[in-house]
C-alpha atoms as a PDB file:
ATOM      1  CA  MET A   1     -18.286 113.441 -50.208  1.00  0.00           C
ATOM      2  CA  ALA A   2     -15.758 110.965 -51.504  1.00  0.00           C
ATOM      3  CA  LYS A   3     -13.027 112.036 -54.301  1.00  0.00           C
ATOM      4  CA  MET A   4     -14.162 109.305 -56.290  1.00  0.00           C
ATOM      5  CA  ASP A   5     -18.061 110.330 -56.611  1.00  0.00           C
ATOM      6  CA  PHE A   6     -16.647 113.436 -58.597  1.00  0.00           C
ATOM      7  CA  LEU A   7     -14.843 111.935 -60.709  1.00  0.00           C
ATOM      8  CA  LYS A   8     -17.420 109.377 -61.676  1.00  0.00           C
ATOM      9  CA  LEU A   9     -19.532 112.084 -63.115  1.00  0.00           C
ATOM     10  CA  TYR A  10     -16.748 114.256 -63.984  1.00  0.00           C
ATOM     11  CA  LEU A  11     -15.370 110.925 -66.700  1.00  0.00           C
ATOM     12  CA  GLY A  12     -18.851 110.035 -67.955  1.00  0.00           C
ATOM     13  CA  GLY A  13     -19.661 113.824 -68.627  1.00  0.00           C
ATOM     14  CA  ASN A  14     -21.564 114.878 -66.444  1.00  0.00           C
ATOM     15  CA  TYR A  15     -20.124 118.240 -65.524  1.00  0.00           C
ATOM     16  CA  SER A  16     -23.146 120.263 -64.703  1.00  0.00           C
ATOM     17  CA  ALA A  17     -23.778 117.679 -61.888  1.00  0.00           C
ATOM     18  CA  CYS A  18     -20.000 117.452 -61.254  1.00  0.00           C
ATOM     19  CA  LYS A  19     -19.994 121.199 -60.874  1.00  0.00           C
ATOM     20  CA  ASN A  20     -22.687 121.275 -58.465  1.00  0.00           C
ATOM     21  CA  ILE A  21     -21.323 118.881 -56.126  1.00  0.00           C
ATOM     22  CA  LEU A  22     -17.448 120.744 -56.175  1.00  0.00           C
ATOM     23  CA  GLU A  23     -18.941 124.184 -55.803  1.00  0.00           C
ATOM     24  CA  GLY A  24     -21.588 122.626 -52.699  1.00  0.00           C
ATOM     25  CA  THR A  25     -18.850 121.431 -50.754  1.00  0.00           C
ATOM     26  CA  GLU A  26     -17.582 123.256 -47.962  1.00  0.00           C
ATOM     27  CA  VAL A  27     -14.127 123.635 -47.530  1.00  0.00           C
ATOM     28  CA  GLN A  28     -12.858 126.147 -45.341  1.00  0.00           C
ATOM     29  CA  GLY A  29      -9.299 126.679 -46.657  1.00  0.00           C
ATOM     30  CA  THR A  30      -7.748 130.405 -46.937  1.00  0.00           C
ATOM     31  CA  LYS A  31     -11.040 131.496 -45.269  1.00  0.00           C
ATOM     32  CA  ASN A  32     -10.261 130.197 -41.896  1.00  0.00           C
ATOM     33  CA  ILE A  33      -7.083 130.811 -40.392  1.00  0.00           C
ATOM     34  CA  HIS A  34      -7.748 127.819 -38.485  1.00  0.00           C
ATOM     35  CA  SER A  35      -8.036 126.182 -41.485  1.00  0.00           C
ATOM     36  CA  ASN A  36      -5.259 122.711 -41.592  1.00  0.00           C
ATOM     37  CA  LEU A  37      -3.112 122.642 -44.719  1.00  0.00           C
ATOM     38  CA  ASP A  38      -5.376 120.114 -46.098  1.00  0.00           C
ATOM     39  CA  GLU A  39      -8.291 122.223 -46.811  1.00  0.00           C
ATOM     40  CA  ILE A  40      -6.323 124.753 -48.026  1.00  0.00           C
ATOM     41  CA  VAL A  41      -4.860 122.144 -50.615  1.00  0.00           C
ATOM     42  CA  MET A  42      -8.473 120.632 -51.004  1.00  0.00           C
ATOM     43  CA  GLU A  43     -10.056 124.823 -51.552  1.00  0.00           C
ATOM     44  CA  TYR A  44      -7.162 124.709 -54.555  1.00  0.00           C
ATOM     45  CA  LEU A  45      -8.624 121.535 -56.097  1.00  0.00           C
ATOM     46  CA  TYR A  46     -11.977 121.544 -55.753  1.00  0.00           C
ATOM     47  CA  GLN A  47     -11.820 125.401 -57.621  1.00  0.00           C
ATOM     48  CA  ASN A  48      -9.392 124.047 -60.424  1.00  0.00           C
ATOM     49  CA  ASN A  49     -11.856 121.018 -61.055  1.00  0.00           C
ATOM     50  CA  GLY A  50     -15.000 123.457 -60.718  1.00  0.00           C
ATOM     51  CA  ALA A  51     -13.362 125.622 -63.549  1.00  0.00           C
ATOM     52  CA  LEU A  52     -12.865 122.984 -65.864  1.00  0.00           C
ATOM     53  CA  CYS A  53     -16.298 121.462 -65.390  1.00  0.00           C
ATOM     54  CA  GLN A  54     -17.382 125.441 -66.139  1.00  0.00           C
ATOM     55  CA  ALA A  55     -15.339 125.247 -69.132  1.00  0.00           C
ATOM     56  CA  MET A  56     -16.507 122.110 -70.422  1.00  0.00           C
ATOM     57  CA  ILE A  57     -20.100 123.379 -70.350  1.00  0.00           C
ATOM     58  CA  GLU A  58     -19.870 126.477 -71.797  1.00  0.00           C
ATOM     59  CA  GLN A  59     -17.545 125.307 -74.818  1.00  0.00           C
ATOM     60  CA  SER A  60     -19.303 127.808 -77.027  1.00  0.00           C
ATOM     61  CA  GLY A  61     -16.649 129.989 -78.447  1.00  0.00           C
ATOM     62  CA  ASP A  62     -18.254 132.854 -77.160  1.00  0.00           C
ATOM     63  CA  ARG A  63     -15.992 135.275 -76.761  1.00  0.00           C
ATOM     64  CA  GLU A  64     -17.003 136.631 -73.125  1.00  0.00           C
ATOM     65  CA  LYS A  65     -17.593 133.498 -71.188  1.00  0.00           C
ATOM     66  CA  TRP A  66     -14.368 132.448 -72.775  1.00  0.00           C
ATOM     67  CA  SER A  67     -12.748 135.293 -70.899  1.00  0.00           C
ATOM     68  CA  GLU A  68     -14.490 134.388 -67.896  1.00  0.00           C
ATOM     69  CA  ILE A  69     -13.142 131.110 -67.447  1.00  0.00           C
ATOM     70  CA  LEU A  70      -9.288 132.259 -68.302  1.00  0.00           C
ATOM     71  CA  ASN A  71      -9.501 134.730 -66.036  1.00  0.00           C
ATOM     72  CA  ARG A  72     -11.132 132.188 -63.419  1.00  0.00           C
ATOM     73  CA  PHE A  73      -7.624 130.330 -64.077  1.00  0.00           C
ATOM     74  CA  MET A  74      -5.589 132.862 -63.667  1.00  0.00           C
ATOM     75  CA  LYS A  75      -7.091 134.110 -60.944  1.00  0.00           C
ATOM     76  CA  LEU A  76      -6.916 130.948 -59.050  1.00  0.00           C
ATOM     77  CA  HIS A  77      -2.892 130.489 -60.125  1.00  0.00           C
ATOM     78  CA  SER A  78      -2.481 133.965 -58.387  1.00  0.00           C
ATOM     79  CA  ASN A  79      -4.406 133.881 -55.435  1.00  0.00           C
ATOM     80  CA  TYR A  80      -2.434 130.341 -54.311  1.00  0.00           C
ATOM     81  CA  ARG A  81       1.049 130.622 -55.709  1.00  0.00           C
ATOM     82  CA  SER A  82       2.905 132.040 -53.037  1.00  0.00           C
ATOM     83  CA  LEU A  83       1.560 129.123 -51.187  1.00  0.00           C
ATOM     84  CA  SER A  84       4.250 126.774 -50.539  1.00  0.00           C
ATOM     85  CA  VAL A  85       1.825 124.045 -49.396  1.00  0.00           C
ATOM     86  CA  ILE A  86       0.407 123.254 -52.730  1.00  0.00           C
ATOM     87  CA  PRO A  87       1.400 120.281 -54.219  1.00  0.00           C
ATOM     88  CA  LEU A  88       3.852 121.198 -57.179  1.00  0.00           C
ATOM     89  CA  ASP A  89       1.984 118.441 -59.961  1.00  0.00           C
ATOM     90  CA  LEU A  90      -1.480 120.495 -58.781  1.00  0.00           C
ATOM     91  CA  GLU A  91       0.026 123.687 -59.527  1.00  0.00           C
ATOM     92  CA  LEU A  92       1.454 123.027 -62.671  1.00  0.00           C
ATOM     93  CA  ASN A  93      -1.974 120.992 -63.467  1.00  0.00           C
ATOM     94  CA  VAL A  94      -3.788 124.828 -63.338  1.00  0.00           C
ATOM     95  CA  ILE A  95      -0.940 126.065 -65.257  1.00  0.00           C
ATOM     96  CA  TYR A  96      -1.631 123.507 -67.857  1.00  0.00           C
ATOM     97  CA  ASN A  97      -5.555 124.119 -68.061  1.00  0.00           C
ATOM     98  CA  THR A  98      -4.793 127.778 -68.002  1.00  0.00           C
ATOM     99  CA  LEU A  99      -2.570 127.472 -71.269  1.00  0.00           C
ATOM    100  CA  TRP A 100      -4.876 124.645 -73.031  1.00  0.00           C
ATOM    101  CA  TRP A 101      -8.060 126.909 -72.406  1.00  0.00           C
ATOM    102  CA  PHE A 102      -5.729 129.726 -73.636  1.00  0.00           C
ATOM    103  CA  LEU A 103      -4.850 128.150 -76.965  1.00  0.00           C
ATOM    104  CA  THR A 104      -8.821 127.265 -77.679  1.00  0.00           C
ATOM    105  CA  ARG A 105      -9.363 130.832 -77.878  1.00  0.00           C
ATOM    106  CA  PRO A 106     -12.171 132.516 -80.449  1.00  0.00           C
ATOM    107  CA  SER A 107     -11.427 132.999 -84.241  1.00  0.00           C
ATOM    108  CA  SER A 108     -12.026 137.075 -82.918  1.00  0.00           C
ATOM    109  CA  LEU A 109      -9.197 136.760 -80.636  1.00  0.00           C
ATOM    110  CA  ARG A 110      -6.675 134.500 -82.463  1.00  0.00           C
ATOM    111  CA  TYR A 111      -4.647 137.678 -83.439  1.00  0.00           C
ATOM    112  CA  LYS A 112      -4.755 139.260 -80.688  1.00  0.00           C
ATOM    113  CA  THR A 113      -2.276 139.831 -77.571  1.00  0.00           C
ATOM    114  CA  LEU A 114      -4.856 139.866 -75.024  1.00  0.00           C
ATOM    115  CA  HIS A 115      -3.824 137.928 -72.189  1.00  0.00           C
ATOM    116  CA  VAL A 116      -0.849 136.837 -73.376  1.00  0.00           C
ATOM    117  CA  GLN A 117       1.365 138.303 -71.331  1.00  0.00           C
ATOM    118  CA  SER A 118      -0.811 137.493 -68.236  1.00  0.00           C
ATOM    119  CA  VAL A 119      -0.680 133.544 -69.120  1.00  0.00           C
ATOM    120  CA  LEU A 120       3.065 133.262 -69.962  1.00  0.00           C
ATOM    121  CA  ASP A 121       3.966 135.534 -66.581  1.00  0.00           C
ATOM    122  CA  SER A 122       2.184 132.687 -64.691  1.00  0.00           C
ATOM    123  CA  VAL A 123       4.195 130.196 -66.644  1.00  0.00           C
ATOM    124  CA  SER A 124       7.549 131.551 -65.046  1.00  0.00           C
ATOM    125  CA  ARG A 125       6.066 131.901 -61.595  1.00  0.00           C
ATOM    126  CA  CYS A 126       5.535 128.399 -61.890  1.00  0.00           C
ATOM    127  CA  LEU A 127       8.398 127.771 -63.803  1.00  0.00           C
ATOM    128  CA  THR A 128      10.564 129.562 -60.958  1.00  0.00           C
ATOM    129  CA  LYS A 129       8.435 127.424 -58.235  1.00  0.00           C
ATOM    130  CA  VAL A 130       9.772 123.921 -59.834  1.00  0.00           C
ATOM    131  CA  LEU A 131      13.159 125.261 -59.643  1.00  0.00           C
ATOM    132  CA  LYS A 132      13.012 126.013 -56.228  1.00  0.00           C
ATOM    133  CA  SER A 133      11.356 122.610 -55.567  1.00  0.00           C
ATOM    134  CA  CYS A 134      15.013 121.333 -57.127  1.00  0.00           C
ATOM    135  CA  GLN A 135      17.274 123.347 -54.836  1.00  0.00           C
ATOM    136  CA  VAL A 136      17.779 125.537 -57.826  1.00  0.00           C
ATOM    137  CA  SER A 137      19.121 129.047 -57.107  1.00  0.00           C
ATOM    138  CA  VAL A 138      16.206 131.137 -59.158  1.00  0.00           C
ATOM    139  CA  LEU A 139      18.035 134.456 -57.595  1.00  0.00           C
ATOM    140  CA  GLY A 140      16.475 137.598 -59.465  1.00  0.00           C
ATOM    141  CA  GLN A 141      14.544 135.458 -61.561  1.00  0.00           C
ATOM    142  CA  GLU A 142      11.424 135.967 -60.554  1.00  0.00           C
ATOM    143  CA  LEU A 143      12.024 140.486 -60.907  1.00  0.00           C
ATOM    144  CA  CYS A 144      12.403 139.654 -64.873  1.00  0.00           C
ATOM    145  CA  SER A 145       8.724 137.660 -65.468  1.00  0.00           C
ATOM    146  CA  HIS A 146       8.353 140.008 -68.328  1.00  0.00           C
ATOM    147  CA  ASP A 147      11.074 138.905 -69.778  1.00  0.00           C
ATOM    148  CA  SER A 148      10.887 136.284 -73.492  1.00  0.00           C
ATOM    149  CA  GLY A 149      14.554 135.521 -73.105  1.00  0.00           C
ATOM    150  CA  ARG A 150      13.847 134.800 -68.984  1.00  0.00           C
ATOM    151  CA  LEU A 151      10.865 132.461 -70.396  1.00  0.00           C
ATOM    152  CA  ILE A 152      12.922 130.669 -72.769  1.00  0.00           C
ATOM    153  CA  THR A 153      15.789 130.345 -69.797  1.00  0.00           C
ATOM    154  CA  LEU A 154      13.473 129.173 -67.329  1.00  0.00           C
ATOM    155  CA  LEU A 155      12.228 126.113 -69.620  1.00  0.00           C
ATOM    156  CA  LYS A 156      15.500 124.908 -70.600  1.00  0.00           C
ATOM    157  CA  GLN A 157      16.329 125.057 -66.269  1.00  0.00           C
ATOM    158  CA  ALA A 158      12.785 123.082 -65.530  1.00  0.00           C
ATOM    159  CA  SER A 159      13.326 120.980 -68.480  1.00  0.00           C
ATOM    160  CA  ASP A 160      16.961 119.562 -67.136  1.00  0.00           C
ATOM    161  CA  LEU A 161      14.706 118.682 -64.002  1.00  0.00           C
ATOM    162  CA  LEU A 162      12.203 116.182 -65.205  1.00  0.00           C
ATOM    163  CA  LEU A 163      13.677 113.428 -64.285  1.00  0.00           C
ATOM    164  CA  LYS A 164      14.609 114.357 -60.500  1.00  0.00           C
ATOM    165  CA  LEU A 165      10.081 115.451 -60.143  1.00  0.00           C
ATOM    166  CA  SER A 166       7.262 112.653 -59.236  1.00  0.00           C
ATOM    167  CA  ALA A 167       6.189 111.183 -61.959  1.00  0.00           C
ATOM    168  CA  VAL A 168       3.145 113.078 -62.233  1.00  0.00           C
ATOM    169  CA  ALA A 169       4.995 116.326 -61.627  1.00  0.00           C
ATOM    170  CA  CYS A 170       7.159 114.964 -64.444  1.00  0.00           C
ATOM    171  CA  ILE A 171       4.179 114.219 -67.278  1.00  0.00           C
ATOM    172  CA  GLN A 172       2.693 117.713 -66.168  1.00  0.00           C
ATOM    173  CA  LEU A 173       6.426 119.732 -66.971  1.00  0.00           C
ATOM    174  CA  LEU A 174       6.213 118.238 -69.814  1.00  0.00           C
ATOM    175  CA  SER A 175       2.606 119.415 -71.073  1.00  0.00           C
ATOM    176  CA  VAL A 176       3.213 122.630 -70.145  1.00  0.00           C
ATOM    177  CA  VAL A 177       6.269 123.049 -72.060  1.00  0.00           C
ATOM    178  CA  THR A 178       4.618 121.740 -75.062  1.00  0.00           C
ATOM    179  CA  LEU A 179       2.049 124.685 -74.989  1.00  0.00           C
ATOM    180  CA  THR A 180       4.402 127.158 -73.795  1.00  0.00           C
ATOM    181  CA  VAL A 181       6.325 126.802 -77.305  1.00  0.00           C
ATOM    182  CA  HIS A 182       2.749 126.765 -78.728  1.00  0.00           C
ATOM    183  CA  VAL A 183       1.909 130.063 -77.281  1.00  0.00           C
ATOM    184  CA  LEU A 184       5.096 130.998 -78.629  1.00  0.00           C
ATOM    185  CA  LEU A 185       4.584 129.424 -82.131  1.00  0.00           C
ATOM    186  CA  ARG A 186       1.431 131.721 -82.222  1.00  0.00           C
ATOM    187  CA  GLN A 187       3.732 134.440 -81.572  1.00  0.00           C
ATOM    188  CA  GLN A 188       5.841 133.995 -84.283  1.00  0.00           C
ATOM    189  CA  GLU A 189       8.239 135.386 -83.440  1.00  0.00           C
ATOM    190  CA  ALA A 190      11.536 133.847 -84.584  1.00  0.00           C
ATOM    191  CA  GLU A 191      14.346 134.929 -82.242  1.00  0.00           C
ATOM    192  CA  SER A 192      12.279 133.189 -79.532  1.00  0.00           C
ATOM    193  CA  LEU A 193      11.461 129.790 -81.783  1.00  0.00           C
ATOM    194  CA  ARG A 194      15.330 129.751 -82.564  1.00  0.00           C
ATOM    195  CA  GLU A 195      15.832 130.020 -78.669  1.00  0.00           C
ATOM    196  CA  CYS A 196      13.393 127.260 -78.210  1.00  0.00           C
ATOM    197  CA  MET A 197      15.488 124.607 -79.929  1.00  0.00           C
ATOM    198  CA  PRO A 198      17.826 123.603 -77.275  1.00  0.00           C
ATOM    199  CA  VAL A 199      14.754 123.668 -74.594  1.00  0.00           C
ATOM    200  CA  LEU A 200      13.071 120.750 -76.964  1.00  0.00           C
ATOM    201  CA  ARG A 201      16.796 119.030 -77.382  1.00  0.00           C
ATOM    202  CA  LYS A 202      17.497 119.074 -74.083  1.00  0.00           C
ATOM    203  CA  ALA A 203      14.072 117.466 -73.158  1.00  0.00           C
ATOM    204  CA  ILE A 204      13.732 115.069 -76.442  1.00  0.00           C
ATOM    205  CA  GLU A 205      17.132 113.376 -75.107  1.00  0.00           C
ATOM    206  CA  GLN A 206      15.205 112.843 -72.133  1.00  0.00           C
ATOM    207  CA  LEU A 207      12.552 110.706 -73.232  1.00  0.00           C
ATOM    208  CA  GLU A 208      12.932 107.194 -73.325  1.00  0.00           C
ATOM    209  CA  LEU A 209      14.142 108.033 -69.741  1.00  0.00           C
ATOM    210  CA  VAL A 210      10.909 110.464 -68.929  1.00  0.00           C
ATOM    211  CA  ARG A 211       8.677 106.696 -70.017  1.00  0.00           C
ATOM    212  CA  LEU A 212      10.942 104.412 -68.090  1.00  0.00           C
ATOM    213  CA  HIS A 213      10.501 106.989 -65.038  1.00  0.00           C
ATOM    214  CA  VAL A 214       6.418 107.285 -65.175  1.00  0.00           C
ATOM    215  CA  LEU A 215       6.281 103.492 -65.876  1.00  0.00           C
ATOM    216  CA  ARG A 216       7.728 102.715 -62.815  1.00  0.00           C
ATOM    217  CA  GLU A 217       5.288 104.908 -60.695  1.00  0.00           C
ATOM    218  CA  THR A 218       1.854 103.386 -63.530  1.00  0.00           C
ATOM    219  CA  LYS A 219       2.623 100.204 -62.008  1.00  0.00           C
ATOM    220  CA  ARG A 220       1.809 101.311 -58.262  1.00  0.00           C
ATOM    221  CA  GLY A 221      -1.685 102.204 -59.870  1.00  0.00           C
ATOM    222  CA  ASN A 222      -1.685 105.897 -58.819  1.00  0.00           C
ATOM    223  CA  GLU A 223      -4.162 108.307 -59.565  1.00  0.00           C
ATOM    224  CA  GLU A 224      -5.417 111.678 -59.101  1.00  0.00           C
ATOM    225  CA  THR A 225      -8.221 113.727 -59.241  1.00  0.00           C
ATOM    226  CA  TYR A 226      -7.060 116.546 -60.479  1.00  0.00           C
ATOM    227  CA  PHE A 227      -9.300 117.784 -63.835  1.00  0.00           C
ATOM    228  CA  LYS A 228      -7.327 118.566 -67.239  1.00  0.00           C
ATOM    229  CA  PHE A 229      -7.922 118.897 -70.442  1.00  0.00           C
ATOM    230  CA  GLY A 230      -7.483 116.013 -71.915  1.00  0.00           C
ATOM    231  CA  LEU A 231      -5.532 115.344 -75.620  1.00  0.00           C
ATOM    232  CA  THR A 232      -7.106 112.485 -76.266  1.00  0.00           C
ATOM    233  CA  GLN A 233     -10.443 112.795 -75.515  1.00  0.00           C
ATOM    234  CA  ALA A 234     -12.596 116.282 -73.792  1.00  0.00           C
ATOM    235  CA  ASN A 235     -12.291 115.274 -70.146  1.00  0.00           C
ATOM    236  CA  SER A 236      -9.073 113.985 -68.655  1.00  0.00           C
ATOM    237  CA  THR A 237      -7.018 113.786 -65.250  1.00  0.00           C
ATOM    238  CA  ALA A 238      -3.537 113.848 -64.075  1.00  0.00           C
ATOM    239  CA  SER A 239      -3.056 109.971 -63.822  1.00  0.00           C
ATOM    240  CA  LEU A 240       0.022 108.835 -65.572  1.00  0.00           C
ATOM    241  CA  ASN A 241      -2.052 106.654 -68.164  1.00  0.00           C
ATOM    242  CA  ASN A 242      -1.763 109.569 -71.013  1.00  0.00           C
ATOM    243  CA  CYS A 243       2.094 109.476 -70.819  1.00  0.00           C
ATOM    244  CA  GLY A 244       2.256 108.234 -74.499  1.00  0.00           C
ATOM    245  CA  ASP A 245      -0.051 110.720 -76.086  1.00  0.00           C
ATOM    246  CA  THR A 246       1.483 113.559 -73.667  1.00  0.00           C
ATOM    247  CA  ILE A 247       5.210 112.330 -75.236  1.00  0.00           C
ATOM    248  CA  ASN A 248       3.935 112.481 -79.062  1.00  0.00           C
ATOM    249  CA  ALA A 249       2.559 115.904 -78.266  1.00  0.00           C
ATOM    250  CA  PHE A 250       5.737 117.409 -76.694  1.00  0.00           C
ATOM    251  CA  VAL A 251       7.870 115.150 -80.336  1.00  0.00           C
ATOM    252  CA  ILE A 252       5.270 116.817 -82.733  1.00  0.00           C
ATOM    253  CA  THR A 253       6.062 120.199 -80.878  1.00  0.00           C
ATOM    254  CA  GLY A 254      10.016 119.907 -81.332  1.00  0.00           C
ATOM    255  CA  SER A 255       9.481 118.633 -84.593  1.00  0.00           C
ATOM    256  CA  ILE A 256       7.123 121.321 -86.019  1.00  0.00           C
ATOM    257  CA  VAL A 257       9.676 124.289 -83.866  1.00  0.00           C
ATOM    258  CA  CYS A 258      12.629 122.403 -85.848  1.00  0.00           C
ATOM    259  CA  ALA A 259      10.393 122.401 -89.327  1.00  0.00           C
ATOM    260  CA  VAL A 260       9.677 126.243 -88.358  1.00  0.00           C
ATOM    261  CA  ASN A 261      13.188 126.966 -88.356  1.00  0.00           C
ATOM    262  CA  GLY A 262      13.919 125.494 -91.216  1.00  0.00           C
ATOM    263  CA  GLU A 263      15.812 122.557 -89.735  1.00  0.00           C
ATOM    264  CA  ILE A 264      14.569 120.045 -91.226  1.00  0.00           C
ATOM    265  CA  GLU A 265      16.800 117.079 -90.490  1.00  0.00           C
ATOM    266  CA  GLU A 266      16.365 117.959 -86.964  1.00  0.00           C
ATOM    267  CA  ALA A 267      12.572 117.943 -87.014  1.00  0.00           C
ATOM    268  CA  MET A 268      12.935 114.129 -88.820  1.00  0.00           C
ATOM    269  CA  ASP A 269      15.129 113.572 -85.951  1.00  0.00           C
ATOM    270  CA  CYS A 270      12.567 114.736 -83.458  1.00  0.00           C
ATOM    271  CA  LEU A 271       9.817 112.218 -85.129  1.00  0.00           C
ATOM    272  CA  LYS A 272      11.758 109.012 -84.517  1.00  0.00           C
ATOM    273  CA  GLN A 273      10.873 109.675 -81.177  1.00  0.00           C
ATOM    274  CA  PHE A 274       7.431 109.570 -82.336  1.00  0.00           C
ATOM    275  CA  THR A 275       5.268 106.045 -80.058  1.00  0.00           C
ATOM    276  CA  GLU A 276       2.925 104.025 -80.833  1.00  0.00           C
ATOM    277  CA  GLU A 277       2.234 104.145 -77.024  1.00  0.00           C
ATOM    278  CA  GLY A 278       0.132 106.836 -77.419  1.00  0.00           C
ATOM    279  CA  ASN A 279      -3.360 107.033 -79.673  1.00  0.00           C
ATOM    280  CA  CYS A 280      -3.435 110.101 -81.342  1.00  0.00           C
ATOM    281  CA  PHE A 281      -1.552 112.042 -83.444  1.00  0.00           C
ATOM    282  CA  PRO A 282      -0.741 109.704 -86.458  1.00  0.00           C
ATOM    283  CA  PHE A 283      -2.454 112.021 -89.225  1.00  0.00           C
ATOM    284  CA  ILE A 284       0.158 115.733 -88.267  1.00  0.00           C
ATOM    285  CA  TYR A 285       2.653 112.401 -87.584  1.00  0.00           C
ATOM    286  CA  ASN A 286       2.464 111.738 -91.541  1.00  0.00           C
ATOM    287  CA  TYR A 287       2.193 115.286 -92.410  1.00  0.00           C
ATOM    288  CA  LEU A 288       5.159 116.260 -90.583  1.00  0.00           C
ATOM    289  CA  LYS A 289       7.022 113.167 -91.995  1.00  0.00           C
ATOM    290  CA  ALA A 290       6.346 113.740 -95.480  1.00  0.00           C
ATOM    291  CA  TYR A 291       6.713 117.531 -95.077  1.00  0.00           C
ATOM    292  CA  CYS A 292      10.170 116.712 -94.176  1.00  0.00           C
ATOM    293  CA  CYS A 293      10.882 114.158 -97.071  1.00  0.00           C
ATOM    294  CA  LEU A 294       9.530 116.554 -99.661  1.00  0.00           C
ATOM    295  CA  HIS A 295      11.733 119.540 -97.903  1.00  0.00           C
ATOM    296  CA  SER A 296      14.870 117.010 -98.300  1.00  0.00           C
ATOM    297  CA  GLN A 297      14.047 116.029-101.621  1.00  0.00           C
ATOM    298  CA  HIS A 298      13.028 112.611-100.858  1.00  0.00           C
ATOM    299  CA  TYR A 299       9.450 112.599-102.801  1.00  0.00           C
ATOM    300  CA  ALA A 300       8.427 108.385-103.174  1.00  0.00           C
ATOM    301  CA  GLU A 301       9.009 108.413 -99.346  1.00  0.00           C
ATOM    302  CA  ALA A 302       6.815 111.613 -98.802  1.00  0.00           C
ATOM    303  CA  LYS A 303       3.913 110.556-101.161  1.00  0.00           C
ATOM    304  CA  LEU A 304       3.895 107.171 -98.979  1.00  0.00           C
ATOM    305  CA  CYS A 305       3.170 109.018 -95.564  1.00  0.00           C
ATOM    306  CA  LEU A 306       0.094 110.538 -97.358  1.00  0.00           C
ATOM    307  CA  ALA A 307      -0.893 107.236 -98.940  1.00  0.00           C
END
């Protein structure tokens, strides 16, 4: 089966048919000791795409179904994370999907810590792999995955490497950092949020270079068939075409963290990186700008933002 066959079904919103094709395609992968590397990667890809299709079908807010799909993503990463043959951009895609789905948890679980540490541990392991891929020393870091301070350090170190990654991996990493910060925001840990500030500053300083880095790759017409939860639409892929929205999501997140920490001027500086290339978040952008203007006593400008 050609990759574009299931991609067409997926992008057309026919998730059930896409899921049936993916699950009905026999890939030996890890089931056969003689499998080649391509088969192992394909198995990982198909399982990621199948889990996402199942999630799209089951968007009902049902607690048990939500937990089942989250566990499916987490088990997928756990089963394959030690395999060096898995492309970094694909592993980042799975972690992004895990984080995204975790953040959609039903209201009955909204204030519970269920799954939080397991999800953040998966993020830490993936970030460690990012560092290893760029030959950055990770001595002893795998042993500290339960330490929130260690996670912040890994986020900062990985953010320093954005421009050393392929364009797809770069955008995927930026998305993972964004959603991880949102998980920390949900935890409402003041110290963790303060520690996030250097992570956000470092990445924001590089955003213009990230745009140029991605633009070069986009012109080559690269298209990945990794399914992911979208920012502007429900179904998306690890394509470079949504770079503007990914950057805007990061900018918005940075501004929120600054505002929560009482750094209103820095929150406003973050918003200056907001780009019109993206299609979403204009309301949130205007609201945050109004909030910053209000708290810096620029009342007339705040009123204009909400007009």
